[in-house]
Amino acid sequence: MSLNKMLCALGKFDIPIIQMQPPFVVDLLDSNIALVGSAMSGKTTFVKTLVNLLHKQYNETQEQVFILDFGGALTEYKDYPLVSAYFDNSNEEYVKRVFKILDNVLKENIKELNGKNFRDADTQPLHTTFIIDNLNAFIDEPRYTAYHEKLAKLCRDGLSKGITVVITAADTKGIVSYLGGFKQKIAFELPPDKYGEVFTTGKVGLIGNNPGHGFANVTVKPDGVTGTFRMNLPYEVQCTLPYKPENAEGSADTEDTFKAKVQKKYDSRSVKKYQTFPKELTREEYETLCRQSPPKDIPDGAVSVGLDYVDFNPVTVDFEKSNVIAIYGKKEFGKTNLLNLLLDGFISKKRDARVILFDDGRNQLKPIYDSISGKTDTILINKHAEIPLSYKDGSSATKKLSPIQQFYKYLNENHLTLSKSFLAETYGLKGALARDLDSKIPDYSGEATPFTVFVIQSKSVYINDLEKKQFIEKILSQMLDDAEERGYLFIFSDIQKINEAETNSAFKNAVNIAFLLDNIAEFAGERGQKTLFGDMDVKSLKEDYARCERGDGYFYDAEADNLHKLKFIKY
């Protein structure tokens, strides 16, 4: 059954002109609610009463509540059945996240209502009540400035599309511009000049220090009124307590009896829940959160590395479809943790795979080699070494090769035939005639190799040098042509700045999936201008994403142009 009214009785009016004390009723489909009052005047108590009424009068098929709690007094509602999300301001991302979610709700509601107002539609989406307790804290925080207009949009456009906004504030400073979007206004214990800023029509007198007692304008005509009075003028109001005091008489619920009734009514049913992350997302916490927010189907070949910040859906990498993965980020910000997740997940899917770890002398991949070498065929190239060379004519030699020379030798003999002139120095034949190079330097044998993961953690491949940049500009593209058939995966695990434009362009075009473990707006605008993230709009990134906590990062699907912020699993 569709809702054409959502009436909530929140207290009693005192209207002397008709000599009545009718109920103070608000229609949530007709009015946003703004409550301004000094500290300890009853603002949070009012919000609790409203949330309790919603749980009494409606169910999970009709109503959902989002709470942004800057006062810290509403945490008890976090697990209530109709509370879809409870966020405090302990993590900046949660504040930004709630506006992103509600913006999506508004768009989806507009589409579903197909031009109709919520109350007039035969088929209605879930109604949403969005509560911000202590709006002043939100307004005064510079990092949330970008969201002021988003709040104004919700106040302006949300009501007719099924989103009711409820705010509390301790002062009118900074919020007056919003009040035009709030038909229902309430004021508790304010200085005389502040009352005038809340109520633009009608005058009110001073009121004593009596929590929950103040003024409110009439937005719903009381039943049974025989006299006449002007609607929308402010009158004295006494708001209802959410619970009866423990030892008080009467039929109202105590806090304990109310919770018991809610538990019985909903019997484990609830609206969709938007969770919050623990400080570290362990594998156990990941599994728990996945059970609470069942994920969409994950392909058999995909590996989960974390959960996205909006819907808590698993962020996965499908190795069958992604051939080049790029990892950008600050030192000590979790790149090795991510690499461990990727390799561990990959090896669990493909036991017969081979992993080539190409380091450049920093020896950062040695611990990973020690960890996985017993699980799958693994080769570590990480230092200058005396390497035996076998020539086509049957002769042999030993030569000290750099890591990148060893890498090219391996590629030439196991995956593709490289230019003989390019390999001349590697094979100790620098200056030899072309025919001698051709008769001495081995070719790729053509034998099949297992699915191979190349982990590239070497600064040398990014240097603007003929030998060094050969891999990105020529070899990588050749191998990617055969990647699906031959089974190749490249993970660039510590990407350095690429100054040469042609090399940089070739690299960006090759990447399927990019991870960033850094603050994205700063990275895109400063350090990462030549990366895939450098093409993004910095202003939009600042508006949409907060600074990263430890364990946070970004997943970018380059082919789908799809960006997610996520919390990584701690390996």
Protein backbone atom coordinates (compact mmCIF):
# COMPACT_ATOMS: atom_id res chain seq x y z
CA MET A 1 0.00 0.00 0.00
CA SER A 2 1.41 3.39 -0.99
CA LEU A 3 1.91 6.16 1.55
CA ASN A 4 0.28 9.54 0.95
CA LYS A 5 1.08 10.77 4.47
CA MET A 6 3.66 9.92 7.13
CA LEU A 7 2.26 11.52 10.29
CA CYS A 8 4.41 11.54 13.40
CA ALA A 9 3.01 12.91 16.69
CA LEU A 10 6.01 14.39 18.47
CA GLY A 11 4.46 16.32 21.36
CA LYS A 12 1.72 18.82 22.19
CA PHE A 13 1.07 22.40 21.12
CA ASP A 14 -0.35 25.14 23.33
CA ILE A 15 -2.48 27.35 21.06
CA PRO A 16 -4.22 29.94 23.28
CA ILE A 17 -6.31 31.47 20.49
CA ILE A 18 -8.37 28.27 20.17
CA GLN A 19 -7.88 27.31 23.82
CA MET A 20 -6.57 23.87 22.86
CA GLN A 21 -3.48 21.76 23.27
CA PRO A 22 -3.58 19.64 20.11
CA PRO A 23 -0.90 17.10 19.21
CA PHE A 24 2.25 18.41 17.54
CA VAL A 25 2.17 16.40 14.30
CA VAL A 26 4.59 16.49 11.37
CA ASP A 27 3.95 14.90 7.97
CA LEU A 28 7.33 13.62 6.78
CA LEU A 29 6.08 13.58 3.18
CA ASP A 30 5.28 17.28 3.42
CA SER A 31 8.01 18.78 5.62
CA ASN A 32 11.71 18.66 6.27
CA ILE A 33 12.40 19.32 9.97
CA ALA A 34 14.88 21.81 11.43
CA LEU A 35 15.41 21.97 15.20
CA VAL A 36 17.62 24.72 16.66
CA GLY A 37 18.36 24.82 20.36
CA SER A 38 21.06 25.50 22.90
CA ALA A 39 23.09 22.74 24.52
CA MET A 40 21.10 20.34 26.72
CA SER A 41 17.78 21.75 25.46
CA GLY A 42 16.44 18.43 24.17
CA LYS A 43 17.54 18.24 20.53
CA THR A 44 18.92 14.71 20.63
CA THR A 45 15.95 13.55 22.71
CA PHE A 46 13.66 14.87 19.97
CA VAL A 47 15.57 12.86 17.33
CA LYS A 48 15.30 9.71 19.44
CA THR A 49 11.55 10.18 19.73
CA LEU A 50 11.26 10.53 15.96
CA VAL A 51 13.36 7.41 15.25
CA ASN A 52 11.36 5.41 17.79
CA LEU A 53 8.08 6.49 16.16
CA LEU A 54 9.31 5.44 12.74
CA HIS A 55 10.08 1.98 14.12
CA LYS A 56 6.63 1.76 15.73
CA GLN A 57 4.58 3.00 12.78
CA TYR A 58 6.43 1.64 9.74
CA ASN A 59 8.48 -1.35 8.65
CA GLU A 60 11.51 -2.27 6.57
CA THR A 61 9.48 -2.26 3.32
CA GLN A 62 8.40 1.36 3.86
CA GLU A 63 11.14 3.29 5.63
CA GLN A 64 14.92 3.56 6.00
CA VAL A 65 16.89 5.98 8.19
CA PHE A 66 20.36 7.44 7.64
CA ILE A 67 22.04 9.11 10.64
CA LEU A 68 25.06 11.41 10.46
CA ASP A 69 25.92 11.95 14.11
CA PHE A 70 28.22 14.86 14.91
CA GLY A 71 27.02 14.95 18.50
CA GLY A 72 27.93 11.36 19.34
CA ALA A 73 24.70 10.70 21.25
CA LEU A 74 22.83 8.50 18.75
CA THR A 75 25.19 5.53 18.57
CA GLU A 76 22.58 3.28 20.24
CA TYR A 77 20.58 3.35 17.00
CA LYS A 78 23.39 1.92 14.87
CA ASP A 79 21.89 -1.59 14.86
CA TYR A 80 18.19 -0.68 14.82
CA PRO A 81 16.25 -2.42 12.02
CA LEU A 82 15.29 0.71 10.06
CA VAL A 83 18.67 2.44 10.43
CA SER A 84 20.38 1.78 7.14
CA ALA A 85 23.53 3.69 8.09
CA TYR A 86 24.87 5.28 11.23
CA PHE A 87 28.03 7.32 10.67
CA ASP A 88 29.88 9.57 13.08
CA ASN A 89 32.73 11.89 12.05
CA SER A 90 35.56 9.61 13.23
CA ASN A 91 36.43 8.86 9.60
CA GLU A 92 36.07 11.65 7.07
CA GLU A 93 35.19 9.15 4.35
CA TYR A 94 31.94 8.21 6.12
CA VAL A 95 30.68 11.79 5.97
CA LYS A 96 31.38 11.94 2.26
CA ARG A 97 30.04 8.44 1.79
CA VAL A 98 26.56 9.18 3.18
CA PHE A 99 26.08 12.00 0.67
CA LYS A 100 27.22 9.74 -2.16
CA ILE A 101 24.72 7.07 -1.09
CA LEU A 102 21.85 9.57 -0.77
CA ASP A 103 22.68 11.15 -4.11
CA ASN A 104 22.28 7.67 -5.63
CA VAL A 105 19.02 7.15 -3.71
CA LEU A 106 17.68 10.43 -5.08
CA LYS A 107 18.62 9.51 -8.66
CA GLU A 108 17.08 6.05 -8.34
CA ASN A 109 13.88 7.46 -6.80
CA ILE A 110 13.50 10.03 -9.58
CA LYS A 111 13.85 7.26 -12.14
CA GLU A 112 11.39 4.93 -10.37
CA LEU A 113 8.77 7.64 -9.75
CA ASN A 114 8.89 8.60 -13.45
CA GLY A 115 7.90 12.25 -13.01
CA LYS A 116 5.43 11.75 -10.13
CA ASN A 117 5.76 13.02 -6.57
CA PHE A 118 6.38 10.34 -3.97
CA ARG A 119 3.02 10.69 -2.24
CA ASP A 120 1.10 10.51 -5.54
CA ALA A 121 2.79 7.38 -6.92
CA ASP A 122 1.05 4.01 -6.90
CA THR A 123 4.42 2.24 -6.66
CA GLN A 124 6.84 3.89 -4.27
CA PRO A 125 10.50 3.32 -3.49
CA LEU A 126 11.54 3.02 0.13
CA HIS A 127 11.06 6.33 1.98
CA THR A 128 14.29 7.75 3.41
CA THR A 129 14.74 9.93 6.50
CA PHE A 130 18.17 11.59 6.66
CA ILE A 131 19.14 12.90 10.10
CA ILE A 132 22.11 15.20 10.79
CA ASP A 133 22.60 15.76 14.51
CA ASN A 134 24.65 18.93 15.15
CA LEU A 135 24.67 20.53 11.71
CA ASN A 136 26.93 23.34 12.97
CA ALA A 137 29.84 20.90 13.28
CA PHE A 138 29.31 19.86 9.66
CA ILE A 139 29.06 23.47 8.44
CA ASP A 140 32.12 24.66 10.38
CA GLU A 141 34.46 21.91 9.13
CA PRO A 142 36.33 23.22 6.03
CA ARG A 143 36.88 19.73 4.57
CA TYR A 144 33.10 19.32 4.16
CA THR A 145 32.53 22.56 2.25
CA ALA A 146 32.07 20.67 -1.01
CA TYR A 147 29.07 18.89 0.52
CA HIS A 148 27.14 22.00 1.51
CA GLU A 149 25.55 22.22 -1.93
CA LYS A 150 24.74 18.49 -1.88
CA LEU A 151 22.88 18.98 1.39
CA ALA A 152 21.07 21.99 -0.06
CA LYS A 153 20.04 19.86 -3.05
CA LEU A 154 18.63 17.15 -0.78
CA CYS A 155 16.70 19.77 1.20
CA ARG A 156 15.39 21.30 -2.01
CA ASP A 157 14.67 18.27 -4.19
CA GLY A 158 14.48 15.28 -1.86
CA LEU A 159 11.11 15.77 -0.19
CA SER A 160 8.98 15.29 -3.31
CA LYS A 161 11.03 12.21 -4.21
CA GLY A 162 10.81 10.40 -0.89
CA ILE A 163 13.74 11.81 1.11
CA THR A 164 13.00 13.82 4.26
CA VAL A 165 15.85 15.77 5.88
CA VAL A 166 15.96 16.30 9.66
CA ILE A 167 18.64 18.55 11.16
CA THR A 168 19.51 19.76 14.63
CA ALA A 169 21.75 22.73 15.35
CA ALA A 170 22.93 24.60 18.42
CA ASP A 171 23.00 27.98 16.66
CA THR A 172 21.59 29.64 13.57
CA LYS A 173 25.07 30.64 12.44
CA GLY A 174 25.75 29.18 9.01
CA ILE A 175 22.40 27.40 8.68
CA VAL A 176 20.00 30.27 7.86
CA SER A 177 20.48 29.73 4.12
CA TYR A 178 19.22 26.14 4.54
CA LEU A 179 16.11 27.00 6.55
CA GLY A 180 14.13 27.93 3.46
CA GLY A 181 14.04 24.22 2.62
CA PHE A 182 12.53 23.31 6.01
CA LYS A 183 8.78 23.78 6.31
CA GLN A 184 8.74 22.48 9.89
CA LYS A 185 10.87 24.56 12.26
CA ILE A 186 11.36 24.04 15.99
CA ALA A 187 13.33 26.16 18.46
CA PHE A 188 14.36 25.27 22.01
CA GLU A 189 15.79 27.87 24.43
CA LEU A 190 17.38 30.50 22.16
CA PRO A 191 18.23 34.21 22.54
CA PRO A 192 15.42 36.49 21.23
CA ASP A 193 17.29 37.49 18.04
CA LYS A 194 17.89 33.84 17.15
CA TYR A 195 14.16 33.05 17.30
CA GLY A 196 13.65 35.68 14.64
CA GLU A 197 16.15 33.93 12.36
CA VAL A 198 14.32 30.61 12.76
CA PHE A 199 10.77 31.93 12.39
CA THR A 200 10.50 34.61 9.72
CA THR A 201 6.78 35.14 10.44
CA GLY A 202 5.24 35.53 13.88
CA LYS A 203 6.86 36.51 17.16
CA VAL A 204 7.70 34.35 20.13
CA GLY A 205 8.51 35.18 23.70
CA LEU A 206 11.28 33.87 25.90
CA ILE A 207 10.98 30.38 27.31
CA GLY A 208 12.55 28.98 30.44
CA ASN A 209 15.16 26.29 30.77
CA ASN A 210 12.87 23.32 30.24
CA PRO A 211 14.35 20.65 27.95
CA GLY A 212 12.03 19.70 25.09
CA HIS A 213 9.99 22.86 25.58
CA GLY A 214 10.07 25.59 22.93
CA PHE A 215 8.28 26.80 19.83
CA ALA A 216 7.22 25.19 16.57
CA ASN A 217 5.15 26.30 13.62
CA VAL A 218 2.00 24.35 12.74
CA THR A 219 2.34 22.45 9.46
CA VAL A 220 -0.44 19.85 9.90
CA LYS A 221 -3.89 21.12 10.86
CA PRO A 222 -4.92 19.46 14.12
CA ASP A 223 -7.97 17.20 14.12
CA GLY A 224 -11.08 18.49 15.87
CA VAL A 225 -10.11 22.18 15.82
CA THR A 226 -13.31 24.26 15.93
CA GLY A 227 -11.78 27.72 16.08
CA THR A 228 -9.55 29.39 13.55
CA PHE A 229 -5.89 30.26 13.82
CA ARG A 230 -3.08 31.07 11.41
CA MET A 231 -1.16 28.03 10.19
CA ASN A 232 2.64 28.16 10.00
CA LEU A 233 2.93 30.60 12.89
CA PRO A 234 5.04 29.42 15.84
CA TYR A 235 3.30 28.29 19.02
CA GLU A 236 4.57 26.85 22.26
CA VAL A 237 5.29 23.15 22.08
CA GLN A 238 6.32 20.43 24.52
CA CYS A 239 7.93 17.47 22.82
CA THR A 240 7.41 13.88 23.90
CA LEU A 241 10.15 11.88 25.59
CA PRO A 242 11.29 8.78 23.67
CA TYR A 243 10.90 6.58 26.75
CA LYS A 244 9.12 6.61 30.08
CA PRO A 245 11.47 7.00 33.05
CA GLU A 246 12.11 3.65 34.74
CA ASN A 247 9.95 4.19 37.84
CA ALA A 248 7.28 6.45 36.32
CA GLU A 249 3.65 5.37 36.03
CA GLY A 250 1.75 5.07 32.77
CA SER A 251 1.59 2.81 29.74
CA ALA A 252 4.53 4.32 27.82
CA ASP A 253 7.54 2.11 27.14
CA THR A 254 10.77 2.21 29.06
CA GLU A 255 13.93 1.93 26.97
CA ASP A 256 14.18 -1.80 27.69
CA THR A 257 10.55 -2.60 26.89
CA PHE A 258 10.73 -0.54 23.69
CA LYS A 259 13.82 -2.42 22.48
CA ALA A 260 12.11 -5.73 23.27
CA LYS A 261 9.06 -4.73 21.21
CA VAL A 262 11.25 -3.64 18.29
CA GLN A 263 13.11 -6.96 18.39
CA LYS A 264 9.83 -8.88 18.41
CA LYS A 265 8.27 -6.81 15.61
CA TYR A 266 11.20 -7.09 13.19
CA ASP A 267 12.44 -10.57 14.15
CA SER A 268 15.89 -10.09 12.55
CA ARG A 269 14.46 -8.34 9.46
CA SER A 270 15.96 -4.99 8.55
CA VAL A 271 16.66 -2.58 5.73
CA LYS A 272 19.89 -2.86 3.78
CA LYS A 273 22.75 -2.00 6.13
CA TYR A 274 25.73 0.19 5.23
CA GLN A 275 28.51 -0.93 7.53
CA THR A 276 31.60 0.78 8.91
CA PHE A 277 35.10 -0.64 8.80
CA PRO A 278 37.21 -1.75 11.73
CA LYS A 279 40.61 -0.07 12.02
CA GLU A 280 42.17 -3.03 10.20
CA LEU A 281 40.20 -5.23 7.80
CA THR A 282 41.40 -8.70 8.72
CA ARG A 283 40.38 -11.72 6.66
CA GLU A 284 37.93 -12.68 9.42
CA GLU A 285 36.38 -9.17 9.47
CA TYR A 286 36.15 -9.28 5.68
CA GLU A 287 34.20 -12.54 5.79
CA THR A 288 31.90 -11.18 8.51
CA LEU A 289 31.11 -7.99 6.57
CA CYS A 290 30.51 -9.99 3.39
CA ARG A 291 27.92 -12.08 5.23
CA GLN A 292 26.19 -8.93 6.42
CA SER A 293 26.19 -7.43 2.89
CA PRO A 294 25.98 -10.47 0.57
CA PRO A 295 28.22 -9.81 -2.46
CA LYS A 296 27.27 -10.06 -6.08
CA ASP A 297 28.51 -13.08 -8.00
CA ILE A 298 32.31 -13.23 -8.08
CA PRO A 299 33.89 -14.94 -11.11
CA ASP A 300 35.75 -18.18 -10.39
CA GLY A 301 39.06 -16.66 -11.51
CA ALA A 302 38.70 -13.49 -9.42
CA VAL A 303 40.59 -12.64 -6.24
CA SER A 304 39.18 -10.28 -3.59
CA VAL A 305 41.54 -7.64 -2.20
CA GLY A 306 39.11 -5.61 -0.06
CA LEU A 307 35.69 -3.97 0.23
CA ASP A 308 34.53 -0.76 -1.41
CA TYR A 309 33.57 2.13 0.86
CA VAL A 310 30.03 2.68 -0.46
CA ASP A 311 28.30 -0.70 -0.67
CA PHE A 312 30.92 -2.90 1.04
CA ASN A 313 30.98 -5.07 -2.07
CA PRO A 314 34.17 -7.10 -2.62
CA VAL A 315 36.71 -5.43 -4.91
CA THR A 316 38.09 -8.18 -7.11
CA VAL A 317 40.68 -8.73 -9.80
CA ASP A 318 39.82 -11.28 -12.48
CA PHE A 319 43.14 -12.64 -13.72
CA GLU A 320 41.45 -14.18 -16.74
CA LYS A 321 40.49 -10.73 -18.03
CA SER A 322 43.16 -8.40 -16.62
CA ASN A 323 46.66 -8.83 -18.04
CA VAL A 324 48.38 -5.70 -16.68
CA ILE A 325 47.96 -4.48 -13.10
CA ALA A 326 49.66 -1.27 -11.96
CA ILE A 327 50.25 -0.40 -8.30
CA TYR A 328 51.01 3.22 -7.36
CA GLY A 329 51.49 4.56 -3.86
CA LYS A 330 53.53 5.97 -1.03
CA LYS A 331 56.25 4.06 0.74
CA GLU A 332 54.97 2.14 3.77
CA PHE A 333 51.36 2.64 2.62
CA GLY A 334 50.51 -0.99 1.84
CA LYS A 335 51.86 -1.82 -1.63
CA THR A 336 53.58 -5.00 -0.40
CA ASN A 337 50.42 -6.01 1.47
CA LEU A 338 48.43 -5.66 -1.78
CA LEU A 339 51.02 -7.60 -3.78
CA ASN A 340 50.86 -10.42 -1.23
CA LEU A 341 47.06 -10.48 -1.52
CA LEU A 342 47.20 -10.66 -5.31
CA LEU A 343 49.84 -13.37 -5.46
CA ASP A 344 48.38 -15.45 -2.66
CA GLY A 345 44.94 -15.30 -4.30
CA PHE A 346 46.35 -16.07 -7.71
CA ILE A 347 48.38 -19.07 -6.55
CA SER A 348 45.31 -20.48 -4.78
CA LYS A 349 43.46 -20.35 -8.13
CA LYS A 350 46.32 -21.64 -10.32
CA ARG A 351 48.56 -24.10 -8.51
CA ASP A 352 50.56 -24.92 -11.62
CA ALA A 353 51.49 -21.31 -12.41
CA ARG A 354 54.96 -19.80 -12.56
CA VAL A 355 55.89 -16.49 -10.87
CA ILE A 356 58.82 -14.35 -12.04
CA LEU A 357 59.87 -11.77 -9.45
CA PHE A 358 61.99 -9.07 -11.09
CA ASP A 359 63.61 -6.77 -8.51
CA ASP A 360 66.40 -4.24 -9.08
CA GLY A 361 68.76 -4.80 -6.19
CA ARG A 362 66.62 -3.28 -3.44
CA ASN A 363 65.74 -6.87 -2.51
CA GLN A 364 62.16 -5.96 -1.62
CA LEU A 365 60.70 -9.08 -3.25
CA LYS A 366 62.90 -11.56 -1.40
CA PRO A 367 60.41 -12.08 1.49
CA ILE A 368 57.65 -12.77 -1.05
CA TYR A 369 59.91 -15.26 -2.84
CA ASP A 370 60.59 -17.03 0.45
CA SER A 371 56.85 -17.13 1.15
CA ILE A 372 55.62 -18.53 -2.19
CA SER A 373 58.52 -20.51 -3.62
CA GLY A 374 57.30 -23.65 -1.88
CA LYS A 375 53.79 -23.23 -3.27
CA THR A 376 54.48 -22.72 -6.96
CA ASP A 377 57.32 -22.52 -9.48
CA THR A 378 59.05 -19.22 -8.64
CA ILE A 379 62.10 -17.43 -10.08
CA LEU A 380 63.70 -14.43 -8.33
CA ILE A 381 65.84 -12.01 -10.36
CA ASN A 382 67.16 -9.42 -7.96
CA LYS A 383 70.96 -8.91 -8.20
CA HIS A 384 74.00 -9.09 -10.42
CA ALA A 385 75.02 -12.70 -10.83
CA GLU A 386 77.33 -15.01 -12.79
CA ILE A 387 75.01 -16.61 -15.32
CA PRO A 388 75.84 -19.59 -17.61
CA LEU A 389 75.26 -18.84 -21.31
CA SER A 390 74.56 -21.57 -23.87
CA TYR A 391 75.01 -20.67 -27.54
CA LYS A 392 73.32 -22.10 -30.63
CA ASP A 393 76.62 -23.56 -31.90
CA GLY A 394 76.96 -25.71 -28.76
CA SER A 395 79.58 -23.55 -27.01
CA SER A 396 79.02 -22.00 -23.60
CA ALA A 397 80.34 -19.28 -21.33
CA THR A 398 79.71 -17.59 -18.00
CA LYS A 399 79.06 -13.86 -17.70
CA LYS A 400 78.08 -11.51 -14.91
CA LEU A 401 74.70 -10.03 -15.85
CA SER A 402 72.66 -7.23 -14.34
CA PRO A 403 69.08 -8.03 -13.20
CA ILE A 404 67.58 -6.51 -16.34
CA GLN A 405 69.97 -8.48 -18.59
CA GLN A 406 68.97 -11.67 -16.78
CA PHE A 407 65.34 -10.74 -17.28
CA TYR A 408 65.75 -10.20 -21.02
CA LYS A 409 67.71 -13.47 -21.34
CA TYR A 410 64.86 -15.33 -19.62
CA LEU A 411 62.25 -13.75 -21.89
CA ASN A 412 64.25 -14.50 -25.05
CA GLU A 413 64.71 -18.18 -24.22
CA ASN A 414 61.25 -18.88 -22.76
CA HIS A 415 58.64 -16.54 -24.23
CA LEU A 416 59.60 -14.67 -27.42
CA THR A 417 62.62 -14.11 -29.69
CA LEU A 418 64.19 -10.70 -29.10
CA SER A 419 66.40 -8.68 -31.44
CA LYS A 420 69.89 -10.22 -31.69
CA SER A 421 71.57 -6.81 -31.81
CA PHE A 422 69.67 -5.80 -28.69
CA LEU A 423 70.88 -8.95 -26.87
CA ALA A 424 74.50 -8.75 -28.09
CA GLU A 425 75.94 -7.31 -24.86
CA THR A 426 73.90 -9.66 -22.68
CA TYR A 427 75.43 -12.65 -24.45
CA GLY A 428 78.95 -11.14 -24.46
CA LEU A 429 78.93 -10.50 -28.20
CA LYS A 430 78.95 -6.73 -28.36
CA GLY A 431 80.47 -5.58 -31.66
CA ALA A 432 80.03 -8.96 -33.37
CA LEU A 433 78.73 -9.17 -36.96
CA ALA A 434 75.02 -9.75 -37.50
CA ARG A 435 75.61 -13.25 -38.93
CA ASP A 436 77.65 -14.18 -35.88
CA LEU A 437 74.94 -12.91 -33.56
CA ASP A 438 72.36 -14.93 -35.46
CA SER A 439 74.45 -18.09 -35.28
CA LYS A 440 75.31 -17.75 -31.60
CA ILE A 441 72.36 -16.19 -29.69
CA PRO A 442 69.56 -18.69 -28.95
CA ASP A 443 65.99 -18.14 -30.08
CA TYR A 444 62.79 -18.84 -28.17
CA SER A 445 62.36 -22.61 -28.28
CA GLY A 446 58.61 -22.46 -28.88
CA GLU A 447 57.90 -24.79 -25.98
CA ALA A 448 54.71 -24.14 -24.02
CA THR A 449 55.15 -22.50 -20.62
CA PRO A 450 52.73 -22.51 -17.67
CA PHE A 451 50.56 -19.47 -16.92
CA THR A 452 53.19 -16.93 -15.88
CA VAL A 453 52.93 -13.94 -13.55
CA PHE A 454 55.62 -11.30 -14.01
CA VAL A 455 56.04 -9.07 -10.95
CA ILE A 456 58.02 -6.01 -12.06
CA GLN A 457 59.47 -4.10 -9.13
CA SER A 458 62.47 -2.61 -10.87
CA LYS A 459 63.15 1.08 -11.39
CA SER A 460 65.21 0.19 -14.45
CA VAL A 461 62.23 -0.41 -16.74
CA TYR A 462 61.06 3.22 -16.32
CA ILE A 463 64.40 4.90 -17.15
CA ASN A 464 64.65 6.81 -20.44
CA ASP A 465 67.42 4.60 -21.83
CA LEU A 466 67.34 2.46 -24.98
CA GLU A 467 68.01 -0.79 -23.14
CA LYS A 468 65.73 0.01 -20.19
CA LYS A 469 62.65 1.31 -22.00
CA GLN A 470 62.72 -1.56 -24.51
CA PHE A 471 60.51 -3.64 -22.23
CA ILE A 472 57.56 -1.21 -22.02
CA GLU A 473 57.68 0.13 -25.57
CA LYS A 474 58.22 -3.13 -27.47
CA ILE A 475 58.40 -6.34 -25.48
CA LEU A 476 55.31 -5.77 -23.31
CA SER A 477 53.07 -4.99 -26.28
CA GLN A 478 54.28 -8.12 -28.12
CA MET A 479 53.59 -10.33 -25.13
CA LEU A 480 50.16 -8.81 -24.55
CA ASP A 481 49.15 -9.80 -28.08
CA ASP A 482 49.53 -13.42 -26.96
CA ALA A 483 48.59 -12.94 -23.30
CA GLU A 484 45.18 -14.61 -23.43
CA GLU A 485 46.38 -17.59 -25.46
CA ARG A 486 49.72 -18.08 -23.69
CA GLY A 487 48.62 -17.04 -20.19
CA TYR A 488 50.48 -13.92 -19.04
CA LEU A 489 49.86 -11.55 -16.15
CA PHE A 490 52.04 -8.49 -15.46
CA ILE A 491 52.00 -6.77 -12.06
CA PHE A 492 53.96 -3.51 -11.91
CA SER A 493 54.25 -3.28 -8.16
CA ASP A 494 56.17 -0.05 -7.50
CA ILE A 495 55.73 2.28 -10.46
CA GLN A 496 58.16 5.13 -10.92
CA LYS A 497 57.73 8.33 -12.88
CA ILE A 498 58.05 7.84 -16.66
CA ASN A 499 59.39 11.02 -18.25
CA GLU A 500 59.55 9.94 -21.87
CA ALA A 501 56.13 10.68 -23.44
CA GLU A 502 56.03 7.76 -25.86
CA THR A 503 57.00 5.24 -23.18
CA ASN A 504 54.48 6.72 -20.74
CA SER A 505 51.70 6.56 -23.32
CA ALA A 506 52.52 2.93 -24.14
CA PHE A 507 52.43 2.01 -20.48
CA LYS A 508 49.11 3.77 -19.76
CA ASN A 509 47.50 2.09 -22.78
CA ALA A 510 48.62 -1.33 -21.57
CA VAL A 511 47.19 -1.08 -18.03
CA ASN A 512 43.84 -2.79 -17.33
CA ILE A 513 43.67 -2.33 -13.56
CA ALA A 514 45.38 0.34 -11.47
CA PHE A 515 45.62 0.56 -7.69
CA LEU A 516 46.57 3.73 -5.84
CA LEU A 517 47.59 3.71 -2.18
CA ASP A 518 47.69 7.46 -1.62
CA ASN A 519 45.37 10.46 -1.38
CA ILE A 520 43.95 10.53 -4.88
CA ALA A 521 43.28 14.26 -5.34
CA GLU A 522 46.80 15.19 -4.27
CA PHE A 523 48.33 12.40 -6.34
CA ALA A 524 46.37 13.26 -9.49
CA GLY A 525 47.14 16.96 -9.16
CA GLU A 526 50.81 16.73 -8.20
CA ARG A 527 52.85 13.52 -8.14
CA GLY A 528 50.78 11.47 -10.56
CA GLN A 529 49.97 13.85 -13.39
CA LYS A 530 51.44 11.52 -16.03
CA THR A 531 49.66 8.43 -14.69
CA LEU A 532 46.16 7.14 -15.42
CA PHE A 533 44.96 9.13 -12.39
CA GLY A 534 46.44 12.36 -13.75
CA ASP A 535 43.68 12.55 -16.37
CA MET A 536 40.99 12.77 -13.69
CA ASP A 537 39.36 16.02 -12.53
CA VAL A 538 41.11 17.05 -9.31
CA LYS A 539 38.23 19.24 -8.11
CA SER A 540 35.76 16.36 -8.39
CA LEU A 541 38.16 13.99 -6.65
CA LYS A 542 38.48 16.40 -3.70
CA GLU A 543 34.70 16.61 -3.46
CA ASP A 544 34.07 12.89 -3.75
CA TYR A 545 36.86 11.33 -1.68
CA ALA A 546 38.35 11.98 1.73
CA ARG A 547 41.98 11.53 2.67
CA CYS A 548 43.10 7.92 3.04
CA GLU A 549 43.38 6.21 6.36
CA ARG A 550 46.03 3.50 6.64
CA GLY A 551 44.76 0.46 4.76
CA ASP A 552 42.71 2.56 2.31
CA GLY A 553 43.29 2.93 -1.40
CA TYR A 554 41.71 3.12 -4.83
CA PHE A 555 40.82 0.59 -7.50
CA TYR A 556 40.54 1.85 -11.08
CA ASP A 557 39.23 -0.29 -13.93
CA ALA A 558 40.79 1.53 -16.88
CA GLU A 559 38.69 -0.18 -19.52
CA ALA A 560 35.37 0.51 -17.76
CA ASP A 561 36.59 3.91 -16.46
CA ASN A 562 35.32 2.85 -13.03
CA LEU A 563 36.87 4.15 -9.79
CA HIS A 564 36.26 2.78 -6.27
CA LYS A 565 37.71 3.67 -2.91
CA LEU A 566 38.30 0.58 -0.81
CA LYS A 567 39.64 -0.79 2.43
CA PHE A 568 42.25 -3.47 1.72
CA ILE A 569 42.31 -6.78 3.52
CA LYS A 570 45.30 -6.97 5.86
CA TYR A 571 47.38 -9.88 4.61
